[in-house]
Every structure is written in C-alpha cells, then in structure tokens.
C-alpha cells in the first residue's frame, strides 16, 4: 500500500484577498471530486485588483477544476490544519 502524497499549498485566504491574505495548508494530493492524482504543483499569480500574490496552481489530468473556494471548503469539512495570515487554525 502506498502512502498518500502530501503537498504544501498557498492559496488566497478568501475571494477578495486584497492581494495579501493567504492560506497555507498541507493537503493530500488528489482531486476532491474523483480522487485521481492532481497535476504537478507550480507557482503562479492570483489577481485581486492591483496586487498579484504568488499562489500554488495545478492542472488536474482528470479534467476537474478545483477552485480555491472549493479547496477552502474542503479544508473546513476535513478539518485539515492550516495557517491563514500567519495563524494556525482549524
């Protein structure tokens, strides 16, 4: 049995992040919709107004698009420890 791959991601902490509010989390590296392995993570830019913070991005080979809002909701449901704006919370 193989171990579940875990990746550290950085995503906007909320929809209107003002370019500064971010959330960091260690997440199992599978699609939240079908369970297939996610694509390789890479650094990209989010955009909210005039600021463009660095975030983690990926393309799923299964074709599902996991929005940052969907990832934040998944984190809440699964109670995965995460750090938002420098503070750890659940």
C-alpha atoms as a PDB file:
ATOM      1  CA  UNK A   1       0.000   0.000   0.000  1.00  0.00           C
ATOM      2  CA  UNK A   2       1.454   3.368  -0.995  1.00  0.00           C
ATOM      3  CA  UNK A   3       1.458   6.449   1.185  1.00  0.00           C
ATOM      4  CA  UNK A   4      -0.760   9.375   0.277  1.00  0.00           C
ATOM      5  CA  UNK A   5       1.245  12.169  -1.288  1.00  0.00           C
ATOM      6  CA  UNK A   6       1.003  15.435   0.664  1.00  0.00           C
ATOM      7  CA  UNK A   7       1.780  18.836  -0.849  1.00  0.00           C
ATOM      8  CA  UNK A   8       2.104  22.229   0.822  1.00  0.00           C
ATOM      9  CA  UNK A   9      -0.053  24.800  -0.967  1.00  0.00           C
ATOM     10  CA  UNK A  10      -0.540  28.541  -0.731  1.00  0.00           C
ATOM     11  CA  UNK A  11      -3.909  29.881  -1.900  1.00  0.00           C
ATOM     12  CA  UNK A  12      -5.906  33.097  -1.373  1.00  0.00           C
ATOM     13  CA  UNK A  13      -7.489  33.033   2.115  1.00  0.00           C
ATOM     14  CA  UNK A  14     -10.792  34.317   0.733  1.00  0.00           C
ATOM     15  CA  UNK A  15     -12.344  35.511  -2.531  1.00  0.00           C
ATOM     16  CA  UNK A  16     -11.430  39.173  -2.004  1.00  0.00           C
ATOM     17  CA  UNK A  17      -7.932  38.664  -0.647  1.00  0.00           C
ATOM     18  CA  UNK A  18      -6.679  42.174  -1.468  1.00  0.00           C
ATOM     19  CA  UNK A  19      -3.512  40.598  -2.740  1.00  0.00           C
ATOM     20  CA  UNK A  20      -2.207  39.905   0.758  1.00  0.00           C
ATOM     21  CA  UNK A  21      -4.447  37.443   2.623  1.00  0.00           C
ATOM     22  CA  UNK A  22      -3.273  33.919   2.010  1.00  0.00           C
ATOM     23  CA  UNK A  23      -3.840  30.465   3.419  1.00  0.00           C
ATOM     24  CA  UNK A  24      -1.199  27.756   3.640  1.00  0.00           C
ATOM     25  CA  UNK A  25      -2.056  24.093   4.077  1.00  0.00           C
ATOM     26  CA  UNK A  26      -0.642  20.611   3.691  1.00  0.00           C
ATOM     27  CA  UNK A  27      -3.179  18.680   1.629  1.00  0.00           C
ATOM     28  CA  UNK A  28      -3.475  15.143   0.261  1.00  0.00           C
ATOM     29  CA  UNK A  29      -2.584  15.364  -3.416  1.00  0.00           C
ATOM     30  CA  UNK A  30      -5.736  14.026  -5.027  1.00  0.00           C
ATOM     31  CA  UNK A  31      -8.708  15.609  -6.789  1.00  0.00           C
ATOM     32  CA  UNK A  32     -11.503  16.424  -4.332  1.00  0.00           C
ATOM     33  CA  UNK A  33     -14.086  15.354  -6.927  1.00  0.00           C
ATOM     34  CA  UNK A  34     -12.847  11.976  -8.187  1.00  0.00           C
ATOM     35  CA  UNK A  35      -9.806  11.005  -6.115  1.00  0.00           C
ATOM     36  CA  UNK A  36      -7.364  10.941  -9.053  1.00  0.00           C
ATOM     37  CA  UNK A  37      -3.862  12.325  -8.546  1.00  0.00           C
ATOM     38  CA  UNK A  38      -3.633  16.085  -9.107  1.00  0.00           C
ATOM     39  CA  UNK A  39      -1.282  17.607 -11.646  1.00  0.00           C
ATOM     40  CA  UNK A  40       2.135  18.863 -10.615  1.00  0.00           C
ATOM     41  CA  UNK A  41       2.011  21.967  -8.414  1.00  0.00           C
ATOM     42  CA  UNK A  42       3.702  25.121  -9.618  1.00  0.00           C
ATOM     43  CA  UNK A  43       3.864  28.730  -8.540  1.00  0.00           C
ATOM     44  CA  UNK A  44       1.584  31.182 -10.289  1.00  0.00           C
ATOM     45  CA  UNK A  45      -0.069  34.531  -9.658  1.00  0.00           C
ATOM     46  CA  UNK A  46      -3.524  35.283  -8.326  1.00  0.00           C
ATOM     47  CA  UNK A  47      -5.127  38.610  -9.140  1.00  0.00           C
ATOM     48  CA  UNK A  48      -7.343  40.785  -6.949  1.00  0.00           C
ATOM     49  CA  UNK A  49      -7.357  44.389  -8.092  1.00  0.00           C
ATOM     50  CA  UNK A  50      -3.850  45.731  -8.499  1.00  0.00           C
ATOM     51  CA  UNK A  51      -1.949  43.104  -6.468  1.00  0.00           C
ATOM     52  CA  UNK A  52      -0.721  39.759  -7.725  1.00  0.00           C
ATOM     53  CA  UNK A  53       0.356  37.414  -4.905  1.00  0.00           C
ATOM     54  CA  UNK A  54       2.160  34.142  -5.546  1.00  0.00           C
ATOM     55  CA  UNK A  55      -0.078  31.082  -5.134  1.00  0.00           C
ATOM     56  CA  UNK A  56       0.087  27.363  -5.840  1.00  0.00           C
ATOM     57  CA  UNK A  57      -1.548  26.266  -9.090  1.00  0.00           C
ATOM     58  CA  UNK A  58      -2.081  22.914 -10.805  1.00  0.00           C
ATOM     59  CA  UNK A  59      -3.967  21.337 -13.700  1.00  0.00           C
ATOM     60  CA  UNK A  60      -5.684  18.044 -12.945  1.00  0.00           C
ATOM     61  CA  UNK A  61      -5.160  15.311 -15.568  1.00  0.00           C
ATOM     62  CA  UNK A  62      -8.714  14.103 -14.769  1.00  0.00           C
ATOM     63  CA  UNK A  63     -10.064  17.411 -16.103  1.00  0.00           C
ATOM     64  CA  UNK A  64     -11.740  18.586 -12.891  1.00  0.00           C
ATOM     65  CA  UNK A  65     -11.162  22.227 -11.962  1.00  0.00           C
ATOM     66  CA  UNK A  66     -10.749  22.721  -8.217  1.00  0.00           C
ATOM     67  CA  UNK A  67     -11.379  26.370  -7.444  1.00  0.00           C
ATOM     68  CA  UNK A  68      -9.670  27.957  -4.463  1.00  0.00           C
ATOM     69  CA  UNK A  69     -13.136  28.341  -2.901  1.00  0.00           C
ATOM     70  CA  UNK A  70     -13.696  24.580  -3.289  1.00  0.00           C
ATOM     71  CA  UNK A  71     -10.324  23.870  -1.678  1.00  0.00           C
ATOM     72  CA  UNK A  72     -11.126  26.207   1.250  1.00  0.00           C
ATOM     73  CA  UNK A  73     -14.494  24.451   1.723  1.00  0.00           C
ATOM     74  CA  UNK A  74     -12.811  21.039   1.587  1.00  0.00           C
ATOM     75  CA  UNK A  75     -10.315  22.160   4.253  1.00  0.00           C
ATOM     76  CA  UNK A  76     -13.162  23.255   6.547  1.00  0.00           C
ATOM     77  CA  UNK A  77     -15.066  19.980   6.154  1.00  0.00           C
ATOM     78  CA  UNK A  78     -11.995  17.790   6.627  1.00  0.00           C
ATOM     79  CA  UNK A  79     -10.613  19.885   9.478  1.00  0.00           C
ATOM     80  CA  UNK A  80      -7.131  19.920   7.974  1.00  0.00           C
ATOM     81  CA  UNK A  81      -4.732  22.082   9.973  1.00  0.00           C
ATOM     82  CA  UNK A  82      -3.872  25.206   8.061  1.00  0.00           C
ATOM     83  CA  UNK A  83      -2.241  28.553   8.529  1.00  0.00           C
ATOM     84  CA  UNK A  84      -4.173  31.627   7.435  1.00  0.00           C
ATOM     85  CA  UNK A  85      -2.488  35.004   7.507  1.00  0.00           C
ATOM     86  CA  UNK A  86       0.257  33.714   9.791  1.00  0.00           C
ATOM     87  CA  UNK A  87      -2.048  31.997  12.315  1.00  0.00           C
ATOM     88  CA  UNK A  88      -2.747  28.278  12.619  1.00  0.00           C
ATOM     89  CA  UNK A  89      -6.420  27.417  12.847  1.00  0.00           C
ATOM     90  CA  UNK A  90      -8.911  24.685  12.114  1.00  0.00           C
END
